Amino acid sequence: FDWRARSTPHPSSGRSGAIRTRTRARVCTARAGGVMSAAGYRQEDSVLQHGGFQEQIVYGCKLLQETCIRKVQDREKELEKLRIEADELWKQGEGLRDRNSALEAELSESRRRNSDQLEQNREVVQQVMQLRAQMGKLGKFRQKLEGALGDEDHSDHSVGR
């Protein structure tokens, strides 16, 4: 079977249109990954060898369509994976927002307890200062009492002699 004998040359290149079609079909077939025969042709390549121009065009379109369908399916799978990943990230974000809210509430409670403790400490410091002042007054009062009792004891000792 001679391809050049049946086809007319392409006007722009001077090459036979059938040769170019056969080469493109082999490239498309190799990319499509079809079942190869011992001669290096796919089984469907027999259509190219024995069929007419219209059958070759149909076969080429079929190859392109199959390739496009596979590519679309691959993209749909990839899109589904990305959607699943986005859902997981969304759930993780929700979990982090909940944890953040809980931590903010805990921090607020801790600050409130610290403020209460600080207020109690201030009250205790005031009580300590008041007690020290009272102890100072009591100390002075004790000294006066000891002085008065000491004078009285001295006077009793001197009178009793």
Protein backbone atom coordinates (compact mmCIF):
# COMPACT_ATOMS: atom_id res chain seq x y z
CA PHE A 1 0.00 0.00 0.00
CA ASP A 2 1.56 3.27 -1.08
CA TRP A 3 0.32 6.39 0.69
CA ARG A 4 1.89 8.75 -1.77
CA ALA A 5 0.23 7.10 -4.74
CA ARG A 6 -3.30 7.76 -3.41
CA SER A 7 -2.87 11.27 -2.03
CA THR A 8 -2.30 14.63 -3.55
CA PRO A 9 0.52 16.83 -2.27
CA HIS A 10 -0.28 19.55 0.25
CA PRO A 11 -0.11 22.90 -1.52
CA SER A 12 2.01 24.66 1.10
CA SER A 13 4.65 22.02 1.78
CA GLY A 14 4.69 19.85 -1.26
CA ARG A 15 4.28 16.85 1.03
CA SER A 16 1.53 14.35 0.78
CA GLY A 17 -1.49 15.05 3.02
CA ALA A 18 -1.92 11.34 3.76
CA ILE A 19 1.65 11.02 5.00
CA ARG A 20 1.13 13.95 7.34
CA THR A 21 -2.20 12.47 8.51
CA ARG A 22 -0.61 9.06 9.10
CA THR A 23 2.24 10.64 11.10
CA ARG A 24 -0.18 12.68 13.20
CA ALA A 25 -2.32 9.61 13.78
CA ARG A 26 0.71 7.65 15.01
CA VAL A 27 1.69 10.48 17.35
CA CYS A 28 -1.86 10.79 18.66
CA THR A 29 -2.12 7.01 19.01
CA ALA A 30 1.16 6.80 20.89
CA ARG A 31 0.04 9.58 23.23
CA ALA A 32 -3.35 7.95 23.74
CA GLY A 33 -1.62 4.77 24.88
CA GLY A 34 -3.56 2.29 22.80
CA VAL A 35 -2.84 -1.41 22.23
CA MET A 36 0.14 -1.69 19.90
CA SER A 37 0.62 -4.46 17.34
CA ALA A 38 3.96 -6.07 16.48
CA ALA A 39 4.41 -3.66 13.58
CA GLY A 40 4.23 -0.65 15.91
CA TYR A 41 0.66 0.28 14.98
CA ARG A 42 -2.40 0.22 17.19
CA GLN A 43 -5.08 -2.18 16.14
CA GLU A 44 -7.23 0.78 15.22
CA ASP A 45 -4.47 1.95 12.85
CA SER A 46 -5.78 -0.58 10.36
CA VAL A 47 -8.58 1.94 9.83
CA LEU A 48 -5.93 4.44 8.78
CA GLN A 49 -4.26 1.98 6.44
CA HIS A 50 -7.42 0.75 4.73
CA GLY A 51 -9.96 3.52 5.35
CA GLY A 52 -10.68 6.65 3.49
CA PHE A 53 -9.99 10.24 4.38
CA GLN A 54 -13.31 10.65 6.25
CA GLU A 55 -12.60 7.59 8.38
CA GLN A 56 -9.18 8.97 9.20
CA ILE A 57 -10.70 12.28 10.27
CA VAL A 58 -13.30 10.49 12.40
CA TYR A 59 -10.61 8.35 13.97
CA GLY A 60 -8.44 11.42 14.72
CA CYS A 61 -11.40 13.21 16.27
CA LYS A 62 -12.15 10.13 18.34
CA LEU A 63 -8.57 10.09 19.64
CA LEU A 64 -8.71 13.78 20.48
CA GLN A 65 -12.07 13.36 22.17
CA GLU A 66 -10.79 10.43 24.29
CA THR A 67 -7.75 12.45 25.28
CA CYS A 68 -9.88 15.43 26.22
CA ILE A 69 -12.28 13.23 28.21
CA ARG A 70 -9.35 11.70 30.14
CA LYS A 71 -7.96 15.15 30.79
CA VAL A 72 -11.35 16.40 32.02
CA GLN A 73 -11.67 13.33 34.27
CA ASP A 74 -8.20 13.94 35.67
CA ARG A 75 -9.06 17.59 36.35
CA GLU A 76 -12.34 16.58 38.00
CA LYS A 77 -10.47 14.16 40.27
CA GLU A 78 -7.97 16.88 41.11
CA LEU A 79 -10.82 19.32 41.78
CA GLU A 80 -12.51 16.81 44.09
CA LYS A 81 -9.25 16.33 46.00
CA LEU A 82 -8.92 20.10 46.33
CA ARG A 83 -12.52 20.36 47.56
CA ILE A 84 -11.88 17.68 50.16
CA GLU A 85 -8.70 19.46 51.23
CA ALA A 86 -10.57 22.78 51.42
CA ASP A 87 -13.28 21.15 53.58
CA GLU A 88 -10.62 19.72 55.89
CA LEU A 89 -8.91 23.10 56.14
CA TRP A 90 -12.29 24.75 56.82
CA LYS A 91 -12.97 22.27 59.64
CA GLN A 92 -9.47 22.83 60.99
CA GLY A 93 -10.09 26.59 60.89
CA GLU A 94 -13.39 26.14 62.75
CA GLY A 95 -11.57 24.08 65.39
CA LEU A 96 -8.90 26.75 65.72
CA ARG A 97 -11.55 29.48 66.06
CA ASP A 98 -13.29 27.47 68.79
CA ARG A 99 -9.98 26.89 70.57
CA ASN A 100 -9.15 30.58 70.24
CA SER A 101 -12.51 31.53 71.78
CA ALA A 102 -11.94 29.10 74.66
CA LEU A 103 -8.44 30.46 75.24
CA GLU A 104 -9.71 34.04 75.16
CA ALA A 105 -12.38 33.15 77.73
CA GLU A 106 -9.75 31.43 79.89
CA LEU A 107 -7.46 34.46 79.57
CA SER A 108 -10.29 36.80 80.53
CA GLU A 109 -11.10 34.65 83.56
CA SER A 110 -7.43 34.54 84.54
CA ARG A 111 -7.18 38.34 84.28
CA ARG A 112 -10.31 38.73 86.40
CA ARG A 113 -8.87 36.38 89.06
CA ASN A 114 -5.56 38.27 88.99
CA SER A 115 -7.43 41.56 89.40
CA ASP A 116 -9.39 40.12 92.35
CA GLN A 117 -6.18 38.80 93.91
CA LEU A 118 -4.50 42.18 93.44
CA GLU A 119 -7.44 43.90 95.16
CA GLN A 120 -7.27 41.41 98.04
CA ASN A 121 -3.53 42.00 98.35
CA ARG A 122 -4.12 45.76 98.54
CA GLU A 123 -6.68 45.24 101.30
CA VAL A 124 -4.25 42.99 103.19
CA VAL A 125 -1.47 45.60 102.85
CA GLN A 126 -3.84 48.27 104.25
CA GLN A 127 -4.75 45.98 107.15
CA VAL A 128 -1.04 45.34 107.82
CA MET A 129 -0.35 49.07 107.81
CA GLN A 130 -3.28 49.69 110.19
CA LEU A 131 -2.13 46.89 112.49
CA ARG A 132 1.43 48.26 112.53
CA ALA A 133 0.08 51.71 113.35
CA GLN A 134 -2.03 50.21 116.17
CA MET A 135 0.98 48.21 117.42
CA GLY A 136 3.00 51.41 117.42
CA LYS A 137 0.30 53.14 119.49
CA LEU A 138 0.06 50.12 121.78
CA GLY A 139 3.82 50.10 122.16
CA LYS A 140 3.79 53.77 123.22
CA PHE A 141 0.86 53.09 125.56
CA ARG A 142 2.77 50.15 127.08
CA GLN A 143 5.83 52.30 127.62
CA LYS A 144 3.69 54.91 129.35
CA LEU A 145 2.08 52.24 131.50
CA GLU A 146 5.44 50.75 132.38
CA GLY A 147 6.70 54.18 133.16
CA ALA A 148 3.69 54.96 135.33
CA LEU A 149 3.80 51.57 137.02
CA GLY A 150 7.54 51.82 137.38
CA ASP A 151 7.17 55.19 139.10
CA GLU A 152 4.49 53.74 141.34
CA ASP A 153 6.64 50.72 142.14
CA HIS A 154 9.52 53.01 143.05
CA SER A 155 7.28 55.12 145.19
CA ASP A 156 5.87 52.01 146.92
CA HIS A 157 9.33 50.74 147.62
CA SER A 158 10.46 54.02 148.97
CA VAL A 159 7.39 54.45 151.15
CA GLY A 160 7.61 50.91 152.47
CA ARG A 161 11.15 51.41 153.78
